[in-house]
Amino acid sequence: MNIDELLRDINKGHSYEVITAWHGVPVRIKLKVKWVSTQDRLVSFDFSECKFRRAFTKEKVYIKLGEIYIECEIFSNIRDELVLLVNSVSPPPPVVLREFVRVEPSKNKPVLVSFCVEDECISSVEAVDISEKGVGVMLTKGEMEKLFSILSTDDGRGYQRSISLVIEIPGEGPIEAVGELKNLISKDEGVYFRLGFKLNLGMSDLRKLRNYIINRQREILEKLRSL
């Protein structure tokens, strides 16, 4: 089924699930359709009762039609109307597929990560996001260059390896984890590099992290409601 056919199936006055994310937290709400323009690929929703308007600003937005997801971008979000420009049929978005909620820590109360690779140590860098199963950190180009020569060895492991981490969780204290380095992505024209670790935690430390994520998710959504 192509986009035009899908748009013709969207009914004025009916409610559909609209999905996005806010600081890593999934936002899934039902909105009522005001009008549809098949020619312009625009769908208008009634935004008057939505408590999470500010979530619909920069992130990708998806409309769920039965088992089909349509990827959209925001055309307009003024006053009581959210207008989405439909781009394409999409696989289920990451916020739907994730088994565990991923949150962005507060800048005022950061999650700090420290680790060593052989003799090179990185201390107290801020996590950019964290879940029960993973944490991402951002390193400067200088820090990454120091690590890269160690990570890029000739023993066949490349940069993917297990590394001992200490993660300082606000309100919960430090936890120890084994982090499997899963990805390394250049950011901002190579000035920064993002490292992603898959976490393996003991049950006690997992409970600490789980408590933090639940509380942080609640904090993010309460902040969103107040905007």
C-alpha atoms as a PDB file:
ATOM      1  CA  MET A   1       0.000   0.000   0.000  1.00  0.00           C
ATOM      2  CA  ASN A   2       1.449   3.379  -1.008  1.00  0.00           C
ATOM      3  CA  ILE A   3       1.302   6.676   0.899  1.00  0.00           C
ATOM      4  CA  ASP A   4      -1.646   8.087  -1.070  1.00  0.00           C
ATOM      5  CA  GLU A   5      -3.726   4.982  -0.312  1.00  0.00           C
ATOM      6  CA  LEU A   6      -2.813   5.150   3.371  1.00  0.00           C
ATOM      7  CA  LEU A   7      -3.727   8.829   3.575  1.00  0.00           C
ATOM      8  CA  ARG A   8      -7.112   8.134   1.970  1.00  0.00           C
ATOM      9  CA  ASP A   9      -7.747   5.578   4.733  1.00  0.00           C
ATOM     10  CA  ILE A  10      -7.240   8.176   7.476  1.00  0.00           C
ATOM     11  CA  ASN A  11     -10.663   9.344   8.602  1.00  0.00           C
ATOM     12  CA  LYS A  12     -11.529  12.839   9.785  1.00  0.00           C
ATOM     13  CA  GLY A  13     -12.761  12.758  13.386  1.00  0.00           C
ATOM     14  CA  HIS A  14     -11.071   9.438  14.167  1.00  0.00           C
ATOM     15  CA  SER A  15      -8.215   9.171  16.692  1.00  0.00           C
ATOM     16  CA  TYR A  16      -4.844   7.657  15.848  1.00  0.00           C
ATOM     17  CA  GLU A  17      -1.733   6.962  17.878  1.00  0.00           C
ATOM     18  CA  VAL A  18       1.024   9.527  17.300  1.00  0.00           C
ATOM     19  CA  ILE A  19       4.509   8.649  18.553  1.00  0.00           C
ATOM     20  CA  THR A  20       7.658  10.630  19.267  1.00  0.00           C
ATOM     21  CA  ALA A  21      10.305  10.923  22.006  1.00  0.00           C
ATOM     22  CA  TRP A  22      11.294  13.587  24.522  1.00  0.00           C
ATOM     23  CA  HIS A  23      14.799  13.392  26.034  1.00  0.00           C
ATOM     24  CA  GLY A  24      14.783   9.688  25.204  1.00  0.00           C
ATOM     25  CA  VAL A  25      11.397   8.955  26.812  1.00  0.00           C
ATOM     26  CA  PRO A  26       8.686   7.584  24.480  1.00  0.00           C
ATOM     27  CA  VAL A  27       5.627   9.820  24.061  1.00  0.00           C
ATOM     28  CA  ARG A  28       2.636   7.915  22.640  1.00  0.00           C
ATOM     29  CA  ILE A  29      -0.706   9.726  22.525  1.00  0.00           C
ATOM     30  CA  LYS A  30      -4.051   9.471  20.751  1.00  0.00           C
ATOM     31  CA  LEU A  31      -4.974  12.523  18.661  1.00  0.00           C
ATOM     32  CA  LYS A  32      -8.122  13.209  16.645  1.00  0.00           C
ATOM     33  CA  VAL A  33      -7.759  13.998  12.921  1.00  0.00           C
ATOM     34  CA  LYS A  34      -9.052  17.429  11.842  1.00  0.00           C
ATOM     35  CA  TRP A  35      -8.329  17.166   8.106  1.00  0.00           C
ATOM     36  CA  VAL A  36      -6.184  15.318   5.557  1.00  0.00           C
ATOM     37  CA  SER A  37      -4.659  16.639   2.312  1.00  0.00           C
ATOM     38  CA  THR A  38      -3.654  13.673   0.172  1.00  0.00           C
ATOM     39  CA  GLN A  39      -2.178  15.914  -2.525  1.00  0.00           C
ATOM     40  CA  ASP A  40       0.083  17.802  -0.109  1.00  0.00           C
ATOM     41  CA  ARG A  41       0.661  14.750   2.136  1.00  0.00           C
ATOM     42  CA  LEU A  42      -0.479  16.664   5.210  1.00  0.00           C
ATOM     43  CA  VAL A  43      -2.410  15.353   8.206  1.00  0.00           C
ATOM     44  CA  SER A  44      -3.857  17.759  10.779  1.00  0.00           C
ATOM     45  CA  PHE A  45      -4.574  16.687  14.366  1.00  0.00           C
ATOM     46  CA  ASP A  46      -6.522  18.380  17.153  1.00  0.00           C
ATOM     47  CA  PHE A  47      -3.843  19.514  19.619  1.00  0.00           C
ATOM     48  CA  SER A  48      -6.169  21.312  22.064  1.00  0.00           C
ATOM     49  CA  GLU A  49      -6.203  18.621  24.792  1.00  0.00           C
ATOM     50  CA  CYS A  50      -2.587  17.489  24.402  1.00  0.00           C
ATOM     51  CA  LYS A  51      -0.483  17.838  27.566  1.00  0.00           C
ATOM     52  CA  PHE A  52       2.759  16.984  25.778  1.00  0.00           C
ATOM     53  CA  ARG A  53       2.865  19.604  23.018  1.00  0.00           C
ATOM     54  CA  ARG A  54       6.512  20.506  23.529  1.00  0.00           C
ATOM     55  CA  ALA A  55       7.516  16.940  22.686  1.00  0.00           C
ATOM     56  CA  PHE A  56       6.453  17.624  19.098  1.00  0.00           C
ATOM     57  CA  THR A  57       9.220  19.995  18.062  1.00  0.00           C
ATOM     58  CA  LYS A  58      12.412  18.398  16.726  1.00  0.00           C
ATOM     59  CA  GLU A  59      12.224  14.623  16.963  1.00  0.00           C
ATOM     60  CA  LYS A  60      10.755  12.424  14.263  1.00  0.00           C
ATOM     61  CA  VAL A  61       7.029  11.740  14.569  1.00  0.00           C
ATOM     62  CA  TYR A  62       5.191   8.572  13.566  1.00  0.00           C
ATOM     63  CA  ILE A  63       1.515   7.871  12.908  1.00  0.00           C
ATOM     64  CA  LYS A  64       0.403   4.311  13.668  1.00  0.00           C
ATOM     65  CA  LEU A  65      -2.239   2.922  11.301  1.00  0.00           C
ATOM     66  CA  GLY A  66      -3.061  -0.596  12.460  1.00  0.00           C
ATOM     67  CA  GLU A  67       0.276  -2.415  12.160  1.00  0.00           C
ATOM     68  CA  ILE A  68       1.764   0.202   9.813  1.00  0.00           C
ATOM     69  CA  TYR A  69       3.919   3.158  10.886  1.00  0.00           C
ATOM     70  CA  ILE A  70       4.223   6.327   8.815  1.00  0.00           C
ATOM     71  CA  GLU A  71       7.268   8.543   9.366  1.00  0.00           C
ATOM     72  CA  CYS A  72       6.491  12.265   9.386  1.00  0.00           C
ATOM     73  CA  GLU A  73       8.045  15.624  10.043  1.00  0.00           C
ATOM     74  CA  ILE A  74       6.377  18.541  11.774  1.00  0.00           C
ATOM     75  CA  PHE A  75       4.891  21.002   9.308  1.00  0.00           C
ATOM     76  CA  SER A  76       3.228  23.174  11.961  1.00  0.00           C
ATOM     77  CA  ASN A  77       2.540  22.972  15.706  1.00  0.00           C
ATOM     78  CA  ILE A  78       0.885  26.330  16.321  1.00  0.00           C
ATOM     79  CA  ARG A  79      -1.831  26.713  18.946  1.00  0.00           C
ATOM     80  CA  ASP A  80      -4.426  23.909  18.834  1.00  0.00           C
ATOM     81  CA  GLU A  81      -3.316  22.166  15.655  1.00  0.00           C
ATOM     82  CA  LEU A  82      -0.491  19.750  14.898  1.00  0.00           C
ATOM     83  CA  VAL A  83       0.106  19.354  11.158  1.00  0.00           C
ATOM     84  CA  LEU A  84       2.403  16.547  10.034  1.00  0.00           C
ATOM     85  CA  LEU A  85       4.048  16.198   6.640  1.00  0.00           C
ATOM     86  CA  VAL A  86       4.057  12.524   5.715  1.00  0.00           C
ATOM     87  CA  ASN A  87       7.350  11.186   4.340  1.00  0.00           C
ATOM     88  CA  SER A  88       7.204   7.422   4.011  1.00  0.00           C
ATOM     89  CA  VAL A  89       6.082   4.084   5.376  1.00  0.00           C
ATOM     90  CA  SER A  90       8.514   3.145   8.126  1.00  0.00           C
ATOM     91  CA  PRO A  91       9.597   0.162  10.211  1.00  0.00           C
ATOM     92  CA  PRO A  92       8.499   0.418  13.846  1.00  0.00           C
ATOM     93  CA  PRO A  93      10.390   3.393  15.331  1.00  0.00           C
ATOM     94  CA  PRO A  94      13.240   2.835  17.811  1.00  0.00           C
ATOM     95  CA  VAL A  95      11.162   4.117  20.762  1.00  0.00           C
ATOM     96  CA  VAL A  96       8.678   1.308  20.071  1.00  0.00           C
ATOM     97  CA  LEU A  97      11.242  -1.442  19.504  1.00  0.00           C
ATOM     98  CA  ARG A  98      13.393  -0.728  22.553  1.00  0.00           C
ATOM     99  CA  GLU A  99      12.961  -3.308  25.276  1.00  0.00           C
ATOM    100  CA  PHE A 100      14.172  -0.845  27.910  1.00  0.00           C
ATOM    101  CA  VAL A 101      13.479   2.871  28.283  1.00  0.00           C
ATOM    102  CA  ARG A 102      16.498   5.060  27.578  1.00  0.00           C
ATOM    103  CA  VAL A 103      16.639   8.427  29.362  1.00  0.00           C
ATOM    104  CA  GLU A 104      18.829  11.500  29.079  1.00  0.00           C
ATOM    105  CA  PRO A 105      20.283  12.479  32.463  1.00  0.00           C
ATOM    106  CA  SER A 106      19.720  15.948  33.874  1.00  0.00           C
ATOM    107  CA  LYS A 107      22.474  18.491  33.225  1.00  0.00           C
ATOM    108  CA  ASN A 108      22.154  19.600  36.851  1.00  0.00           C
ATOM    109  CA  LYS A 109      22.466  16.034  38.160  1.00  0.00           C
ATOM    110  CA  PRO A 110      24.546  14.182  35.564  1.00  0.00           C
ATOM    111  CA  VAL A 111      25.331  10.488  35.390  1.00  0.00           C
ATOM    112  CA  LEU A 112      29.129  10.213  35.382  1.00  0.00           C
ATOM    113  CA  VAL A 113      31.058   7.352  33.788  1.00  0.00           C
ATOM    114  CA  SER A 114      34.690   6.397  34.407  1.00  0.00           C
ATOM    115  CA  PHE A 115      36.695   3.609  32.776  1.00  0.00           C
ATOM    116  CA  CYS A 116      40.203   2.539  31.810  1.00  0.00           C
ATOM    117  CA  VAL A 117      41.504   0.849  28.687  1.00  0.00           C
ATOM    118  CA  GLU A 118      44.906  -0.548  29.608  1.00  0.00           C
ATOM    119  CA  ASP A 119      46.856   2.493  30.860  1.00  0.00           C
ATOM    120  CA  GLU A 120      44.532   5.146  29.457  1.00  0.00           C
ATOM    121  CA  CYS A 121      41.781   6.248  31.867  1.00  0.00           C
ATOM    122  CA  ILE A 122      38.762   8.446  31.287  1.00  0.00           C
ATOM    123  CA  SER A 123      37.283   9.867  34.475  1.00  0.00           C
ATOM    124  CA  SER A 124      33.825  11.274  35.197  1.00  0.00           C
ATOM    125  CA  VAL A 125      32.545  11.956  31.686  1.00  0.00           C
ATOM    126  CA  GLU A 126      28.831  12.704  31.460  1.00  0.00           C
ATOM    127  CA  ALA A 127      26.511  10.071  30.051  1.00  0.00           C
ATOM    128  CA  VAL A 128      24.370  11.354  27.179  1.00  0.00           C
ATOM    129  CA  ASP A 129      21.784   8.607  27.736  1.00  0.00           C
ATOM    130  CA  ILE A 130      21.351   5.458  29.797  1.00  0.00           C
ATOM    131  CA  SER A 131      19.076   2.427  30.065  1.00  0.00           C
ATOM    132  CA  GLU A 132      19.151  -0.816  32.024  1.00  0.00           C
ATOM    133  CA  LYS A 133      21.178  -2.372  29.228  1.00  0.00           C
ATOM    134  CA  GLY A 134      23.340   0.428  27.876  1.00  0.00           C
ATOM    135  CA  VAL A 135      25.021   3.780  28.370  1.00  0.00           C
ATOM    136  CA  GLY A 136      26.367   6.311  25.890  1.00  0.00           C
ATOM    137  CA  VAL A 137      29.128   8.845  26.555  1.00  0.00           C
ATOM    138  CA  MET A 138      30.685  11.601  24.490  1.00  0.00           C
ATOM    139  CA  LEU A 139      34.455  12.085  24.343  1.00  0.00           C
ATOM    140  CA  THR A 140      36.472  14.903  22.857  1.00  0.00           C
ATOM    141  CA  LYS A 141      38.630  14.239  19.819  1.00  0.00           C
ATOM    142  CA  GLY A 142      41.739  14.434  21.999  1.00  0.00           C
ATOM    143  CA  GLU A 143      40.428  11.859  24.461  1.00  0.00           C
ATOM    144  CA  MET A 144      39.366   9.582  21.632  1.00  0.00           C
ATOM    145  CA  GLU A 145      42.733   9.780  19.897  1.00  0.00           C
ATOM    146  CA  LYS A 146      44.410   8.585  23.093  1.00  0.00           C
ATOM    147  CA  LEU A 147      42.066   5.596  23.276  1.00  0.00           C
ATOM    148  CA  PHE A 148      41.922   4.781  19.596  1.00  0.00           C
ATOM    149  CA  SER A 149      45.503   3.563  19.310  1.00  0.00           C
ATOM    150  CA  ILE A 150      44.778   1.081  22.112  1.00  0.00           C
ATOM    151  CA  LEU A 151      41.357   0.040  20.833  1.00  0.00           C
ATOM    152  CA  SER A 152      42.559  -0.503  17.264  1.00  0.00           C
ATOM    153  CA  THR A 153      44.907  -3.394  17.963  1.00  0.00           C
ATOM    154  CA  ASP A 154      46.068  -6.148  15.656  1.00  0.00           C
ATOM    155  CA  ASP A 155      44.692  -8.989  17.780  1.00  0.00           C
ATOM    156  CA  GLY A 156      41.414  -9.161  15.867  1.00  0.00           C
ATOM    157  CA  ARG A 157      39.256  -7.609  18.562  1.00  0.00           C
ATOM    158  CA  GLY A 158      39.147  -4.157  17.011  1.00  0.00           C
ATOM    159  CA  TYR A 159      37.479  -1.662  19.295  1.00  0.00           C
ATOM    160  CA  GLN A 160      34.695  -4.008  20.451  1.00  0.00           C
ATOM    161  CA  ARG A 161      35.667  -5.332  23.843  1.00  0.00           C
ATOM    162  CA  SER A 162      34.497  -5.532  27.449  1.00  0.00           C
ATOM    163  CA  ILE A 163      35.598  -2.737  29.762  1.00  0.00           C
ATOM    164  CA  SER A 164      35.079  -2.257  33.504  1.00  0.00           C
ATOM    165  CA  LEU A 165      33.005   0.844  34.220  1.00  0.00           C
ATOM    166  CA  VAL A 166      32.141   2.844  37.309  1.00  0.00           C
ATOM    167  CA  ILE A 167      28.862   4.729  36.880  1.00  0.00           C
ATOM    168  CA  GLU A 168      27.884   7.394  39.381  1.00  0.00           C
ATOM    169  CA  ILE A 169      24.093   7.506  39.650  1.00  0.00           C
ATOM    170  CA  PRO A 170      22.496  10.622  41.236  1.00  0.00           C
ATOM    171  CA  GLY A 171      20.684   9.663  44.420  1.00  0.00           C
ATOM    172  CA  GLU A 172      21.864   6.050  44.208  1.00  0.00           C
ATOM    173  CA  GLY A 173      25.658   6.226  44.472  1.00  0.00           C
ATOM    174  CA  PRO A 174      28.251   4.549  42.251  1.00  0.00           C
ATOM    175  CA  ILE A 175      27.700   1.193  40.581  1.00  0.00           C
ATOM    176  CA  GLU A 176      30.166  -1.128  38.918  1.00  0.00           C
ATOM    177  CA  ALA A 177      29.463  -2.673  35.534  1.00  0.00           C
ATOM    178  CA  VAL A 178      31.056  -4.536  32.686  1.00  0.00           C
ATOM    179  CA  GLY A 179      30.449  -2.565  29.529  1.00  0.00           C
ATOM    180  CA  GLU A 180      30.816  -4.139  26.114  1.00  0.00           C
ATOM    181  CA  LEU A 181      31.884  -1.412  23.701  1.00  0.00           C
ATOM    182  CA  LYS A 182      29.320  -1.696  20.904  1.00  0.00           C
ATOM    183  CA  ASN A 183      29.696   1.422  18.795  1.00  0.00           C
ATOM    184  CA  LEU A 184      31.919   4.391  18.162  1.00  0.00           C
ATOM    185  CA  ILE A 185      30.446   7.256  16.163  1.00  0.00           C
ATOM    186  CA  SER A 186      32.079  10.484  15.056  1.00  0.00           C
ATOM    187  CA  LYS A 187      29.984  13.511  15.970  1.00  0.00           C
ATOM    188  CA  ASP A 188      30.097  17.207  15.053  1.00  0.00           C
ATOM    189  CA  GLU A 189      32.638  16.916  12.216  1.00  0.00           C
ATOM    190  CA  GLY A 190      34.929  14.691  14.247  1.00  0.00           C
ATOM    191  CA  VAL A 191      35.305  17.062  17.211  1.00  0.00           C
ATOM    192  CA  TYR A 192      33.451  14.637  19.479  1.00  0.00           C
ATOM    193  CA  PHE A 193      33.032  10.883  19.476  1.00  0.00           C
ATOM    194  CA  ARG A 194      30.147   8.935  20.950  1.00  0.00           C
ATOM    195  CA  LEU A 195      30.863   5.598  22.616  1.00  0.00           C
ATOM    196  CA  GLY A 196      28.056   3.142  23.357  1.00  0.00           C
ATOM    197  CA  PHE A 197      28.414   0.406  25.967  1.00  0.00           C
ATOM    198  CA  LYS A 198      26.158  -2.597  26.477  1.00  0.00           C
ATOM    199  CA  LEU A 199      25.893  -3.061  30.237  1.00  0.00           C
ATOM    200  CA  ASN A 200      26.106  -6.200  32.343  1.00  0.00           C
ATOM    201  CA  LEU A 201      25.113  -5.474  35.958  1.00  0.00           C
ATOM    202  CA  GLY A 202      24.736  -7.382  39.194  1.00  0.00           C
ATOM    203  CA  MET A 203      21.224  -7.504  40.638  1.00  0.00           C
ATOM    204  CA  SER A 204      21.904  -4.938  43.384  1.00  0.00           C
ATOM    205  CA  ASP A 205      23.376  -2.412  40.960  1.00  0.00           C
ATOM    206  CA  LEU A 206      20.623  -3.132  38.438  1.00  0.00           C
ATOM    207  CA  ARG A 207      18.029  -2.175  41.052  1.00  0.00           C
ATOM    208  CA  LYS A 208      19.838   1.123  41.654  1.00  0.00           C
ATOM    209  CA  LEU A 209      19.920   1.904  37.946  1.00  0.00           C
ATOM    210  CA  ARG A 210      16.302   0.837  37.479  1.00  0.00           C
ATOM    211  CA  ASN A 211      15.184   3.148  40.308  1.00  0.00           C
ATOM    212  CA  TYR A 212      17.064   6.043  38.742  1.00  0.00           C
ATOM    213  CA  ILE A 213      15.566   5.449  35.286  1.00  0.00           C
ATOM    214  CA  ILE A 214      12.005   5.243  36.654  1.00  0.00           C
ATOM    215  CA  ASN A 215      12.462   8.458  38.650  1.00  0.00           C
ATOM    216  CA  ARG A 216      14.174  10.256  35.780  1.00  0.00           C
ATOM    217  CA  GLN A 217      11.447   9.203  33.343  1.00  0.00           C
ATOM    218  CA  ARG A 218       8.815  10.579  35.733  1.00  0.00           C
ATOM    219  CA  GLU A 219      10.801  13.802  36.117  1.00  0.00           C
ATOM    220  CA  ILE A 220      11.092  14.273  32.342  1.00  0.00           C
ATOM    221  CA  LEU A 221       7.367  13.727  31.757  1.00  0.00           C
ATOM    222  CA  GLU A 222       6.384  16.065  34.615  1.00  0.00           C
ATOM    223  CA  LYS A 223       8.657  18.728  33.167  1.00  0.00           C
ATOM    224  CA  LEU A 224       7.109  18.207  29.734  1.00  0.00           C
ATOM    225  CA  ARG A 225       3.585  18.629  31.136  1.00  0.00           C
ATOM    226  CA  SER A 226       4.546  21.939  32.737  1.00  0.00           C
ATOM    227  CA  LEU A 227       5.982  23.525  29.561  1.00  0.00           C
END
